[in-house]
Amino acid sequence: MNKALFFVSSTVLFFLFTTSSHANPILSISSDTQTVSTGTTVLFDVNITGLATGIALGSFDLNISFDSTLLSLVNVAFGDPLVLGIDQLDPLNLGNSLSLSTPSNGLVSLIDTSLYDPASLSAAQASSFTLAVLSFNTLVAGISPITLSINSLSDANSLNIEATTQSRSITITDYSYLNTANLVSIPEPTTFLLLMLSGLSFLLTQHRKHFI
């Protein structure tokens, strides 16, 4: 009897743990490309997915770190480009959110707070969306990690949200150097050389006619 009770209790606890762990939303960095060349602009989306029903994201304070010798931060745009760039902490686009980005060497902090009441925010906000889009210029070849970390994450009632983070990296390649190094140079005669050859051929022809 005790063994059966222990088995049932263990099974229930296991499923409760598994369900709660899978219920955690995911904060991630995404990009349309894995590899870029130097001297170009690359975009990274900061996304949240899997918010539970009835739970809205009310505020966040995130850090994104990168290799500043390979990447230079150009711009931070809060909002989801899939919904006209509207900040989903202000889903009705009423100006009821406070957003701030603070860049430093190899690090940018993203802070956003909704001023909506909990019921309105929960009703209007999606369960998955883009928090912000970061633009970088690529400087030199190399591999830069784009690491996401959470300072704070809370719901519309200012209660802490447990979330999983997913970072990524970007490979920067100097394609122009590689293409130039692999090219086989085939010299072409210059116009001046062609004129000289034509003139020499004409003189030889005239010389042969003179002796015939």
N, C-alpha and C. Protein backbone atom coordinates (compact mmCIF):
# COMPACT_ATOMS: atom_id res chain seq x y z
N MET A 1 0.83 -1.20 0.00
CA MET A 1 0.00 0.00 0.00
C MET A 1 0.86 1.25 0.00
N ASN A 2 1.90 1.21 0.88
CA ASN A 2 2.80 2.35 0.95
C ASN A 2 3.54 2.55 -0.37
N LYS A 3 3.93 1.42 -1.01
CA LYS A 3 4.63 1.50 -2.29
C LYS A 3 3.72 2.09 -3.36
N ALA A 4 2.46 1.66 -3.35
CA ALA A 4 1.52 2.18 -4.34
C ALA A 4 1.29 3.67 -4.14
N LEU A 5 1.15 4.09 -2.88
CA LEU A 5 0.96 5.51 -2.57
C LEU A 5 2.17 6.33 -2.97
N PHE A 6 3.36 5.78 -2.71
CA PHE A 6 4.59 6.46 -3.09
C PHE A 6 4.67 6.61 -4.61
N PHE A 7 4.29 5.57 -5.35
CA PHE A 7 4.33 5.60 -6.80
C PHE A 7 3.38 6.66 -7.35
N VAL A 8 2.16 6.68 -6.80
CA VAL A 8 1.17 7.66 -7.27
C VAL A 8 1.64 9.08 -6.97
N SER A 9 2.15 9.29 -5.75
CA SER A 9 2.62 10.63 -5.37
C SER A 9 3.77 11.08 -6.26
N SER A 10 4.69 10.17 -6.52
CA SER A 10 5.85 10.50 -7.36
C SER A 10 5.42 10.85 -8.78
N THR A 11 4.44 10.09 -9.28
CA THR A 11 3.95 10.34 -10.64
C THR A 11 3.28 11.70 -10.74
N VAL A 12 2.46 12.02 -9.74
CA VAL A 12 1.78 13.32 -9.74
C VAL A 12 2.78 14.46 -9.67
N LEU A 13 3.77 14.34 -8.79
CA LEU A 13 4.79 15.38 -8.67
C LEU A 13 5.59 15.53 -9.96
N PHE A 14 5.87 14.40 -10.62
CA PHE A 14 6.62 14.44 -11.87
C PHE A 14 5.85 15.22 -12.93
N PHE A 15 4.55 14.91 -13.07
CA PHE A 15 3.76 15.60 -14.08
C PHE A 15 3.57 17.07 -13.74
N LEU A 16 3.42 17.38 -12.46
CA LEU A 16 3.31 18.77 -12.07
C LEU A 16 4.58 19.53 -12.39
N PHE A 17 5.73 18.94 -12.11
CA PHE A 17 7.02 19.57 -12.41
C PHE A 17 7.21 19.74 -13.91
N THR A 18 6.88 18.68 -14.66
CA THR A 18 7.05 18.73 -16.11
C THR A 18 6.15 19.79 -16.72
N THR A 19 4.89 19.85 -16.26
CA THR A 19 3.95 20.83 -16.79
C THR A 19 4.38 22.25 -16.49
N SER A 20 4.82 22.49 -15.24
CA SER A 20 5.25 23.84 -14.87
C SER A 20 6.49 24.27 -15.62
N SER A 21 7.41 23.33 -15.87
CA SER A 21 8.64 23.69 -16.57
C SER A 21 8.35 24.03 -18.03
N HIS A 22 7.41 23.28 -18.65
CA HIS A 22 7.08 23.54 -20.03
C HIS A 22 6.22 24.79 -20.17
N ALA A 23 5.59 25.23 -19.08
CA ALA A 23 4.73 26.41 -19.14
C ALA A 23 5.54 27.70 -19.15
N ASN A 24 6.81 27.61 -18.80
CA ASN A 24 7.63 28.82 -18.79
C ASN A 24 7.75 29.40 -20.19
N PRO A 25 7.55 30.70 -20.36
CA PRO A 25 7.78 31.31 -21.66
C PRO A 25 9.26 31.30 -22.01
N ILE A 26 9.55 31.55 -23.28
CA ILE A 26 10.93 31.52 -23.77
C ILE A 26 11.28 32.90 -24.32
N LEU A 27 12.38 33.44 -23.85
CA LEU A 27 12.96 34.66 -24.41
C LEU A 27 14.14 34.26 -25.30
N SER A 28 14.14 34.74 -26.53
CA SER A 28 15.15 34.27 -27.47
C SER A 28 15.62 35.39 -28.38
N ILE A 29 16.81 35.16 -28.97
CA ILE A 29 17.38 36.02 -30.00
C ILE A 29 17.26 35.29 -31.33
N SER A 30 16.74 35.95 -32.34
CA SER A 30 16.62 35.31 -33.66
C SER A 30 17.10 36.26 -34.74
N SER A 31 17.48 35.67 -35.88
CA SER A 31 17.92 36.44 -37.04
C SER A 31 17.62 35.64 -38.29
N ASP A 32 17.45 36.34 -39.40
CA ASP A 32 17.16 35.66 -40.66
C ASP A 32 18.40 35.00 -41.26
N THR A 33 19.58 35.31 -40.73
CA THR A 33 20.80 34.80 -41.33
C THR A 33 21.75 34.26 -40.26
N GLN A 34 22.58 33.31 -40.65
CA GLN A 34 23.59 32.74 -39.77
C GLN A 34 24.97 33.32 -40.07
N THR A 35 25.18 33.72 -41.32
CA THR A 35 26.49 34.20 -41.76
C THR A 35 26.32 35.47 -42.57
N VAL A 36 27.13 36.47 -42.29
CA VAL A 36 27.10 37.73 -43.03
C VAL A 36 28.52 38.13 -43.39
N SER A 37 28.64 39.08 -44.30
CA SER A 37 29.95 39.58 -44.67
C SER A 37 30.25 40.87 -43.94
N THR A 38 31.49 41.26 -43.94
CA THR A 38 31.89 42.51 -43.29
C THR A 38 31.30 43.70 -44.05
N GLY A 39 31.07 44.79 -43.33
CA GLY A 39 30.56 46.00 -43.96
C GLY A 39 29.08 45.96 -44.28
N THR A 40 28.32 45.07 -43.63
CA THR A 40 26.88 45.00 -43.87
C THR A 40 26.13 45.21 -42.55
N THR A 41 24.81 45.30 -42.65
CA THR A 41 23.96 45.46 -41.48
C THR A 41 23.21 44.16 -41.22
N VAL A 42 23.16 43.75 -39.96
CA VAL A 42 22.46 42.52 -39.58
C VAL A 42 21.46 42.87 -38.48
N LEU A 43 20.27 42.25 -38.56
CA LEU A 43 19.19 42.51 -37.61
C LEU A 43 18.97 41.31 -36.70
N PHE A 44 18.71 41.59 -35.41
CA PHE A 44 18.38 40.55 -34.45
C PHE A 44 17.06 40.91 -33.76
N ASP A 45 16.15 39.94 -33.70
CA ASP A 45 14.90 40.13 -32.98
C ASP A 45 15.02 39.56 -31.58
N VAL A 46 14.47 40.27 -30.61
CA VAL A 46 14.35 39.77 -29.25
C VAL A 46 12.88 39.35 -29.07
N ASN A 47 12.64 38.06 -28.91
CA ASN A 47 11.28 37.52 -28.92
C ASN A 47 10.90 36.90 -27.58
N ILE A 48 9.59 36.89 -27.31
CA ILE A 48 9.04 36.11 -26.22
C ILE A 48 7.94 35.22 -26.79
N THR A 49 7.94 33.96 -26.41
CA THR A 49 6.93 33.01 -26.87
C THR A 49 6.41 32.22 -25.68
N GLY A 50 5.16 31.78 -25.79
CA GLY A 50 4.61 30.86 -24.80
C GLY A 50 4.09 31.47 -23.53
N LEU A 51 3.65 32.73 -23.58
CA LEU A 51 3.01 33.30 -22.40
C LEU A 51 1.70 32.55 -22.14
N ALA A 52 1.48 32.17 -20.91
CA ALA A 52 0.28 31.41 -20.57
C ALA A 52 -0.97 32.27 -20.71
N THR A 53 -2.10 31.61 -20.94
CA THR A 53 -3.38 32.31 -21.07
C THR A 53 -3.68 33.12 -19.80
N GLY A 54 -4.03 34.35 -19.99
CA GLY A 54 -4.36 35.22 -18.85
C GLY A 54 -3.16 35.91 -18.24
N ILE A 55 -1.96 35.61 -18.73
CA ILE A 55 -0.75 36.26 -18.23
C ILE A 55 -0.18 37.16 -19.31
N ALA A 56 0.00 38.43 -19.01
CA ALA A 56 0.57 39.39 -19.96
C ALA A 56 1.91 39.88 -19.43
N LEU A 57 2.80 40.16 -20.34
CA LEU A 57 4.10 40.72 -19.96
C LEU A 57 3.91 42.20 -19.64
N GLY A 58 4.21 42.58 -18.39
CA GLY A 58 4.03 43.96 -17.96
C GLY A 58 5.28 44.79 -18.00
N SER A 59 6.44 44.18 -17.81
CA SER A 59 7.70 44.91 -17.87
C SER A 59 8.86 43.94 -18.05
N PHE A 60 9.94 44.45 -18.60
CA PHE A 60 11.15 43.64 -18.73
C PHE A 60 12.38 44.52 -18.65
N ASP A 61 13.46 43.92 -18.19
CA ASP A 61 14.78 44.55 -18.12
C ASP A 61 15.77 43.48 -18.54
N LEU A 62 16.30 43.62 -19.77
CA LEU A 62 17.14 42.59 -20.36
C LEU A 62 18.50 43.16 -20.73
N ASN A 63 19.50 42.30 -20.73
CA ASN A 63 20.83 42.64 -21.24
C ASN A 63 21.14 41.78 -22.46
N ILE A 64 21.69 42.41 -23.50
CA ILE A 64 22.18 41.68 -24.67
C ILE A 64 23.63 42.05 -24.85
N SER A 65 24.49 41.06 -24.76
CA SER A 65 25.94 41.30 -24.91
C SER A 65 26.42 40.76 -26.24
N PHE A 66 27.49 41.38 -26.76
CA PHE A 66 28.05 41.02 -28.06
C PHE A 66 29.52 41.41 -28.09
N ASP A 67 30.23 40.95 -29.12
CA ASP A 67 31.64 41.27 -29.28
C ASP A 67 31.75 42.62 -30.01
N SER A 68 32.15 43.65 -29.29
CA SER A 68 32.19 44.99 -29.87
C SER A 68 33.34 45.17 -30.86
N THR A 69 34.28 44.23 -30.91
CA THR A 69 35.33 44.31 -31.93
C THR A 69 34.83 43.80 -33.29
N LEU A 70 33.71 43.07 -33.28
CA LEU A 70 33.15 42.51 -34.51
C LEU A 70 31.86 43.21 -34.94
N LEU A 71 31.11 43.71 -33.95
CA LEU A 71 29.81 44.33 -34.23
C LEU A 71 29.73 45.72 -33.62
N SER A 72 29.03 46.61 -34.30
CA SER A 72 28.78 47.95 -33.79
C SER A 72 27.27 48.18 -33.78
N LEU A 73 26.72 48.48 -32.60
CA LEU A 73 25.29 48.70 -32.47
C LEU A 73 24.88 49.98 -33.20
N VAL A 74 23.85 49.87 -34.05
CA VAL A 74 23.37 51.01 -34.82
C VAL A 74 22.06 51.55 -34.26
N ASN A 75 21.12 50.64 -33.95
CA ASN A 75 19.79 51.10 -33.55
C ASN A 75 19.06 50.04 -32.74
N VAL A 76 18.18 50.49 -31.86
CA VAL A 76 17.26 49.63 -31.13
C VAL A 76 15.85 50.15 -31.37
N ALA A 77 14.97 49.30 -31.88
CA ALA A 77 13.58 49.68 -32.14
C ALA A 77 12.67 48.78 -31.31
N PHE A 78 11.99 49.35 -30.33
CA PHE A 78 11.04 48.59 -29.55
C PHE A 78 9.78 48.35 -30.38
N GLY A 79 9.19 47.16 -30.23
CA GLY A 79 7.97 46.85 -30.95
C GLY A 79 8.12 45.65 -31.85
N ASP A 80 6.99 45.18 -32.36
CA ASP A 80 6.93 43.98 -33.19
C ASP A 80 6.72 44.37 -34.65
N PRO A 81 7.71 44.12 -35.53
CA PRO A 81 7.56 44.51 -36.94
C PRO A 81 6.42 43.79 -37.64
N LEU A 82 5.96 42.66 -37.10
CA LEU A 82 4.85 41.94 -37.73
C LEU A 82 3.51 42.61 -37.48
N VAL A 83 3.44 43.52 -36.52
CA VAL A 83 2.20 44.27 -36.25
C VAL A 83 2.51 45.77 -36.30
N LEU A 84 3.09 46.17 -37.44
CA LEU A 84 3.36 47.59 -37.72
C LEU A 84 4.29 48.23 -36.70
N GLY A 85 5.13 47.42 -36.07
CA GLY A 85 6.10 47.96 -35.12
C GLY A 85 5.51 48.39 -33.80
N ILE A 86 4.29 47.97 -33.50
CA ILE A 86 3.64 48.37 -32.25
C ILE A 86 4.26 47.62 -31.07
N ASP A 87 4.58 48.35 -30.03
CA ASP A 87 5.10 47.78 -28.79
C ASP A 87 3.98 47.01 -28.11
N GLN A 88 4.18 45.71 -27.88
CA GLN A 88 3.12 44.90 -27.29
C GLN A 88 2.94 45.12 -25.79
N LEU A 89 3.76 45.98 -25.19
CA LEU A 89 3.46 46.46 -23.86
C LEU A 89 2.56 47.69 -23.93
N ASP A 90 2.31 48.14 -25.15
CA ASP A 90 1.32 49.18 -25.46
C ASP A 90 0.54 48.70 -26.68
N PRO A 91 -0.17 47.57 -26.56
CA PRO A 91 -0.75 46.90 -27.73
C PRO A 91 -1.80 47.72 -28.47
N LEU A 92 -2.44 48.69 -27.81
CA LEU A 92 -3.43 49.54 -28.47
C LEU A 92 -2.80 50.81 -29.02
N ASN A 93 -1.47 50.91 -28.90
CA ASN A 93 -0.69 52.03 -29.45
C ASN A 93 -1.21 53.38 -28.93
N LEU A 94 -1.39 53.45 -27.61
CA LEU A 94 -1.90 54.65 -26.96
C LEU A 94 -0.80 55.49 -26.32
N GLY A 95 0.44 55.06 -26.45
CA GLY A 95 1.54 55.76 -25.79
C GLY A 95 1.63 55.44 -24.31
N ASN A 96 1.07 54.30 -23.93
CA ASN A 96 1.05 53.92 -22.51
C ASN A 96 2.14 52.91 -22.15
N SER A 97 3.36 53.20 -22.54
CA SER A 97 4.50 52.39 -22.13
C SER A 97 5.74 53.27 -22.07
N LEU A 98 6.69 52.86 -21.26
CA LEU A 98 7.95 53.58 -21.11
C LEU A 98 9.08 52.65 -21.52
N SER A 99 9.79 52.99 -22.57
CA SER A 99 10.86 52.13 -23.07
C SER A 99 12.17 52.89 -23.09
N LEU A 100 13.26 52.16 -22.86
CA LEU A 100 14.58 52.77 -22.78
C LEU A 100 15.63 51.74 -23.17
N SER A 101 16.58 52.16 -23.99
CA SER A 101 17.75 51.32 -24.31
C SER A 101 19.00 52.07 -23.91
N THR A 102 19.91 51.38 -23.22
CA THR A 102 21.16 52.01 -22.76
C THR A 102 22.34 51.19 -23.26
N PRO A 103 22.97 51.62 -24.35
CA PRO A 103 24.12 50.89 -24.88
C PRO A 103 25.41 51.25 -24.18
N SER A 104 26.30 50.28 -24.09
CA SER A 104 27.65 50.51 -23.60
C SER A 104 28.57 49.59 -24.40
N ASN A 105 29.81 49.50 -24.03
CA ASN A 105 30.78 48.73 -24.81
C ASN A 105 30.45 47.23 -24.76
N GLY A 106 29.94 46.70 -25.88
CA GLY A 106 29.63 45.27 -25.95
C GLY A 106 28.38 44.87 -25.21
N LEU A 107 27.53 45.83 -24.83
CA LEU A 107 26.34 45.50 -24.06
C LEU A 107 25.26 46.55 -24.33
N VAL A 108 24.01 46.08 -24.43
CA VAL A 108 22.89 47.00 -24.52
C VAL A 108 21.79 46.49 -23.59
N SER A 109 21.24 47.39 -22.78
CA SER A 109 20.15 47.07 -21.87
C SER A 109 18.84 47.55 -22.45
N LEU A 110 17.82 46.69 -22.39
CA LEU A 110 16.50 47.01 -22.89
C LEU A 110 15.52 47.02 -21.72
N ILE A 111 14.84 48.14 -21.52
CA ILE A 111 13.89 48.28 -20.42
C ILE A 111 12.57 48.79 -20.99
N ASP A 112 11.49 48.13 -20.64
CA ASP A 112 10.17 48.55 -21.11
C ASP A 112 9.14 48.24 -20.02
N THR A 113 8.24 49.18 -19.78
CA THR A 113 7.21 49.03 -18.76
C THR A 113 5.86 49.47 -19.32
N SER A 114 4.84 48.64 -19.13
CA SER A 114 3.49 48.99 -19.57
C SER A 114 2.77 49.79 -18.50
N LEU A 115 1.95 50.76 -18.94
CA LEU A 115 1.14 51.57 -18.03
C LEU A 115 -0.34 51.16 -18.07
N TYR A 116 -0.63 50.03 -18.73
CA TYR A 116 -2.00 49.54 -18.81
C TYR A 116 -2.42 48.90 -17.48
N ASP A 117 -3.74 48.87 -17.25
CA ASP A 117 -4.22 48.07 -16.14
C ASP A 117 -4.16 46.60 -16.54
N PRO A 118 -4.03 45.68 -15.59
CA PRO A 118 -3.82 44.26 -15.90
C PRO A 118 -4.87 43.66 -16.83
N ALA A 119 -6.13 43.98 -16.63
CA ALA A 119 -7.19 43.40 -17.46
C ALA A 119 -7.07 43.84 -18.92
N SER A 120 -6.83 45.11 -19.15
CA SER A 120 -6.72 45.62 -20.52
C SER A 120 -5.50 45.05 -21.23
N LEU A 121 -4.37 44.96 -20.51
CA LEU A 121 -3.15 44.44 -21.12
C LEU A 121 -3.31 42.96 -21.45
N SER A 122 -3.89 42.19 -20.55
CA SER A 122 -4.09 40.75 -20.80
C SER A 122 -5.03 40.52 -21.97
N ALA A 123 -6.03 41.37 -22.12
CA ALA A 123 -7.00 41.20 -23.21
C ALA A 123 -6.41 41.56 -24.57
N ALA A 124 -5.48 42.50 -24.62
CA ALA A 124 -4.99 43.01 -25.90
C ALA A 124 -3.66 42.42 -26.34
N GLN A 125 -2.90 41.88 -25.41
CA GLN A 125 -1.54 41.42 -25.74
C GLN A 125 -1.55 39.99 -26.27
N ALA A 126 -0.70 39.72 -27.26
CA ALA A 126 -0.56 38.36 -27.81
C ALA A 126 0.27 37.50 -26.86
N SER A 127 0.24 36.18 -27.10
CA SER A 127 1.01 35.27 -26.25
C SER A 127 2.46 35.15 -26.71
N SER A 128 2.75 35.54 -27.95
CA SER A 128 4.11 35.50 -28.50
C SER A 128 4.30 36.72 -29.38
N PHE A 129 5.44 37.40 -29.24
CA PHE A 129 5.68 38.60 -30.04
C PHE A 129 7.14 39.01 -29.92
N THR A 130 7.51 40.00 -30.72
CA THR A 130 8.87 40.56 -30.70
C THR A 130 8.92 41.76 -29.78
N LEU A 131 9.86 41.76 -28.86
CA LEU A 131 10.03 42.87 -27.92
C LEU A 131 10.76 44.05 -28.57
N ALA A 132 11.80 43.74 -29.32
CA ALA A 132 12.61 44.80 -29.93
C ALA A 132 13.44 44.21 -31.07
N VAL A 133 13.90 45.09 -31.95
CA VAL A 133 14.78 44.70 -33.05
C VAL A 133 16.07 45.50 -32.93
N LEU A 134 17.19 44.78 -32.94
CA LEU A 134 18.51 45.41 -32.81
C LEU A 134 19.22 45.36 -34.15
N SER A 135 19.80 46.50 -34.56
CA SER A 135 20.57 46.59 -35.80
C SER A 135 22.05 46.76 -35.48
N PHE A 136 22.88 45.97 -36.15
CA PHE A 136 24.33 46.05 -35.97
C PHE A 136 25.01 46.20 -37.33
N ASN A 137 26.13 46.91 -37.35
CA ASN A 137 27.04 46.89 -38.49
C ASN A 137 28.16 45.89 -38.21
N THR A 138 28.52 45.10 -39.23
CA THR A 138 29.61 44.14 -39.07
C THR A 138 30.93 44.83 -39.38
N LEU A 139 31.94 44.59 -38.54
CA LEU A 139 33.21 45.30 -38.65
C LEU A 139 34.29 44.46 -39.29
N VAL A 140 34.63 43.34 -38.66
CA VAL A 140 35.69 42.46 -39.17
C VAL A 140 35.20 41.01 -39.06
N ALA A 141 35.96 40.11 -39.67
CA ALA A 141 35.58 38.70 -39.68
C ALA A 141 35.75 38.09 -38.29
N GLY A 142 34.87 37.15 -37.98
CA GLY A 142 34.92 36.46 -36.69
C GLY A 142 33.56 35.92 -36.31
N ILE A 143 33.45 35.35 -35.13
CA ILE A 143 32.19 34.81 -34.62
C ILE A 143 31.86 35.54 -33.33
N SER A 144 30.71 36.20 -33.30
CA SER A 144 30.30 36.94 -32.12
C SER A 144 29.09 36.26 -31.48
N PRO A 145 29.17 35.94 -30.18
CA PRO A 145 27.96 35.49 -29.48
C PRO A 145 27.02 36.67 -29.27
N ILE A 146 25.74 36.40 -29.33
CA ILE A 146 24.71 37.39 -28.98
C ILE A 146 23.98 36.79 -27.78
N THR A 147 24.36 37.22 -26.59
CA THR A 147 23.93 36.57 -25.36
C THR A 147 22.83 37.38 -24.68
N LEU A 148 21.73 36.70 -24.38
CA LEU A 148 20.58 37.34 -23.74
C LEU A 148 20.51 36.92 -22.28
N SER A 149 20.36 37.89 -21.38
CA SER A 149 20.20 37.60 -19.96
C SER A 149 19.09 38.49 -19.39
N ILE A 150 18.44 37.98 -18.33
CA ILE A 150 17.29 38.67 -17.74
C ILE A 150 17.68 39.33 -16.43
N ASN A 151 17.45 40.63 -16.33
CA ASN A 151 17.56 41.31 -15.04
C ASN A 151 16.25 41.20 -14.27
N SER A 152 15.15 41.44 -14.98
CA SER A 152 13.83 41.27 -14.37
C SER A 152 12.79 41.07 -15.47
N LEU A 153 11.75 40.34 -15.12
CA LEU A 153 10.67 40.03 -16.04
C LEU A 153 9.41 39.86 -15.19
N SER A 154 8.39 40.67 -15.46
CA SER A 154 7.20 40.60 -14.60
C SER A 154 5.93 40.72 -15.42
N ASP A 155 4.82 40.26 -14.84
CA ASP A 155 3.54 40.30 -15.53
C ASP A 155 2.81 41.62 -15.25
N ALA A 156 1.57 41.69 -15.70
CA ALA A 156 0.81 42.94 -15.56
C ALA A 156 0.52 43.30 -14.12
N ASN A 157 0.63 42.31 -13.22
CA ASN A 157 0.41 42.55 -11.80
C ASN A 157 1.72 42.73 -11.03
N SER A 158 2.81 42.94 -11.78
CA SER A 158 4.15 43.14 -11.20
C SER A 158 4.67 41.90 -10.49
N LEU A 159 4.17 40.72 -10.86
CA LEU A 159 4.66 39.46 -10.31
C LEU A 159 5.73 38.89 -11.22
N ASN A 160 6.74 38.28 -10.63
CA ASN A 160 7.86 37.76 -11.40
C ASN A 160 7.43 36.64 -12.35
N ILE A 161 7.98 36.67 -13.56
CA ILE A 161 7.76 35.62 -14.56
C ILE A 161 9.06 34.84 -14.72
N GLU A 162 8.98 33.53 -14.52
CA GLU A 162 10.14 32.66 -14.79
C GLU A 162 10.16 32.34 -16.28
N ALA A 163 11.31 32.54 -16.91
CA ALA A 163 11.42 32.31 -18.34
C ALA A 163 12.74 31.65 -18.68
N THR A 164 12.75 30.94 -19.79
CA THR A 164 13.96 30.32 -20.32
C THR A 164 14.55 31.25 -21.38
N THR A 165 15.87 31.36 -21.42
CA THR A 165 16.52 32.21 -22.42
C THR A 165 17.26 31.36 -23.45
N GLN A 166 17.26 31.86 -24.67
CA GLN A 166 17.98 31.21 -25.77
C GLN A 166 18.81 32.27 -26.49
N SER A 167 20.12 32.12 -26.43
CA SER A 167 21.02 33.05 -27.11
C SER A 167 21.44 32.47 -28.45
N ARG A 168 22.28 33.19 -29.17
CA ARG A 168 22.77 32.70 -30.46
C ARG A 168 24.10 33.36 -30.78
N SER A 169 24.61 33.08 -31.98
CA SER A 169 25.86 33.72 -32.43
C SER A 169 25.73 34.03 -33.91
N ILE A 170 26.62 34.89 -34.38
CA ILE A 170 26.64 35.27 -35.80
C ILE A 170 28.06 35.13 -36.32
N THR A 171 28.19 34.56 -37.51
CA THR A 171 29.50 34.41 -38.16
C THR A 171 29.67 35.49 -39.20
N ILE A 172 30.78 36.23 -39.08
CA ILE A 172 31.08 37.32 -40.01
C ILE A 172 32.28 36.89 -40.85
N THR A 173 32.12 36.92 -42.16
CA THR A 173 33.17 36.47 -43.07
C THR A 173 33.54 37.59 -44.02
N ASP A 174 34.82 37.74 -44.27
CA ASP A 174 35.29 38.73 -45.23
C ASP A 174 35.24 38.12 -46.62
N TYR A 175 34.05 38.10 -47.22
CA TYR A 175 33.87 37.46 -48.52
C TYR A 175 34.69 38.14 -49.60
N SER A 176 34.82 39.45 -49.54
CA SER A 176 35.56 40.17 -50.57
C SER A 176 37.01 39.70 -50.61
N TYR A 177 37.59 39.45 -49.42
CA TYR A 177 38.98 38.98 -49.37
C TYR A 177 39.09 37.58 -49.96
N LEU A 178 38.14 36.71 -49.57
CA LEU A 178 38.19 35.34 -50.05
C LEU A 178 38.04 35.28 -51.56
N ASN A 179 37.10 36.06 -52.11
CA ASN A 179 36.88 36.04 -53.55
C ASN A 179 38.07 36.58 -54.30
N THR A 180 38.70 37.63 -53.78
CA THR A 180 39.86 38.20 -54.44
C THR A 180 41.04 37.25 -54.39
N ALA A 181 41.22 36.56 -53.25
CA ALA A 181 42.36 35.65 -53.09
C ALA A 181 42.23 34.45 -54.00
N ASN A 182 40.99 34.03 -54.30
CA ASN A 182 40.79 32.82 -55.10
C ASN A 182 40.74 33.09 -56.59
N LEU A 183 40.72 34.36 -56.98
CA LEU A 183 40.67 34.68 -58.40
C LEU A 183 42.04 34.47 -59.05
N VAL A 184 42.06 33.91 -60.28
CA VAL A 184 43.30 33.77 -61.05
C VAL A 184 43.38 34.96 -62.00
N SER A 185 44.41 35.74 -61.85
CA SER A 185 44.55 36.94 -62.65
C SER A 185 45.03 36.60 -64.05
N ILE A 186 44.30 37.01 -65.07
CA ILE A 186 44.67 36.78 -66.45
C ILE A 186 44.95 38.14 -67.07
N PRO A 187 46.22 38.43 -67.34
CA PRO A 187 46.55 39.75 -67.88
C PRO A 187 45.99 39.95 -69.28
N GLU A 188 45.51 41.14 -69.55
CA GLU A 188 45.00 41.49 -70.87
C GLU A 188 45.92 42.55 -71.47
N PRO A 189 46.16 42.47 -72.80
CA PRO A 189 47.02 43.47 -73.44
C PRO A 189 46.38 44.85 -73.38
N THR A 190 47.20 45.82 -73.13
CA THR A 190 46.69 47.18 -73.08
C THR A 190 46.51 47.73 -74.49
N THR A 191 45.80 48.82 -74.60
CA THR A 191 45.58 49.44 -75.92
C THR A 191 46.89 49.88 -76.54
N PHE A 192 47.79 50.39 -75.69
CA PHE A 192 49.09 50.85 -76.20
C PHE A 192 49.88 49.69 -76.80
N LEU A 193 49.86 48.51 -76.12
CA LEU A 193 50.58 47.35 -76.63
C LEU A 193 49.98 46.88 -77.94
N LEU A 194 48.67 46.90 -78.05
CA LEU A 194 48.02 46.50 -79.30
C LEU A 194 48.41 47.41 -80.45
N LEU A 195 48.48 48.72 -80.18
CA LEU A 195 48.89 49.66 -81.22
C LEU A 195 50.32 49.41 -81.67
N MET A 196 51.20 49.08 -80.68
CA MET A 196 52.60 48.80 -81.03
C MET A 196 52.70 47.57 -81.90
N LEU A 197 51.95 46.51 -81.56
CA LEU A 197 51.99 45.28 -82.36
C LEU A 197 51.45 45.52 -83.76
N SER A 198 50.40 46.33 -83.86
CA SER A 198 49.83 46.64 -85.17
C SER A 198 50.83 47.41 -86.02
N GLY A 199 51.51 48.38 -85.38
CA GLY A 199 52.50 49.16 -86.11
C GLY A 199 53.67 48.31 -86.56
N LEU A 200 54.13 47.37 -85.69
CA LEU A 200 55.23 46.50 -86.05
C LEU A 200 54.85 45.58 -87.20
N SER A 201 53.63 45.09 -87.19
CA SER A 201 53.17 44.23 -88.27
C SER A 201 53.12 44.99 -89.58
N PHE A 202 52.70 46.25 -89.52
CA PHE A 202 52.64 47.07 -90.73
C PHE A 202 54.03 47.32 -91.29
N LEU A 203 55.01 47.61 -90.42
CA LEU A 203 56.38 47.86 -90.86
C LEU A 203 56.99 46.63 -91.50
N LEU A 204 56.75 45.44 -90.91
CA LEU A 204 57.28 44.20 -91.47
C LEU A 204 56.69 43.94 -92.84
N THR A 205 55.40 44.24 -92.98
CA THR A 205 54.76 44.02 -94.28
C THR A 205 55.37 44.94 -95.34
N GLN A 206 55.57 46.21 -95.00
CA GLN A 206 56.15 47.16 -95.92
C GLN A 206 57.59 46.79 -96.28
N HIS A 207 58.32 46.25 -95.27
CA HIS A 207 59.71 45.85 -95.50
C HIS A 207 59.80 44.70 -96.47
N ARG A 208 58.88 43.73 -96.35
CA ARG A 208 58.87 42.59 -97.28
C ARG A 208 58.52 43.04 -98.69
N LYS A 209 57.59 43.98 -98.84
CA LYS A 209 57.22 44.47 -100.16
C LYS A 209 58.39 45.18 -100.84
N HIS A 210 59.21 45.83 -100.04
CA HIS A 210 60.35 46.59 -100.57
C HIS A 210 61.40 45.68 -101.21
N PHE A 211 61.53 44.48 -100.67
CA PHE A 211 62.57 43.55 -101.16
C PHE A 211 62.04 42.60 -102.22
N ILE A 212 60.73 42.65 -102.50
CA ILE A 212 60.20 41.73 -103.53
C ILE A 212 60.41 42.36 -104.90
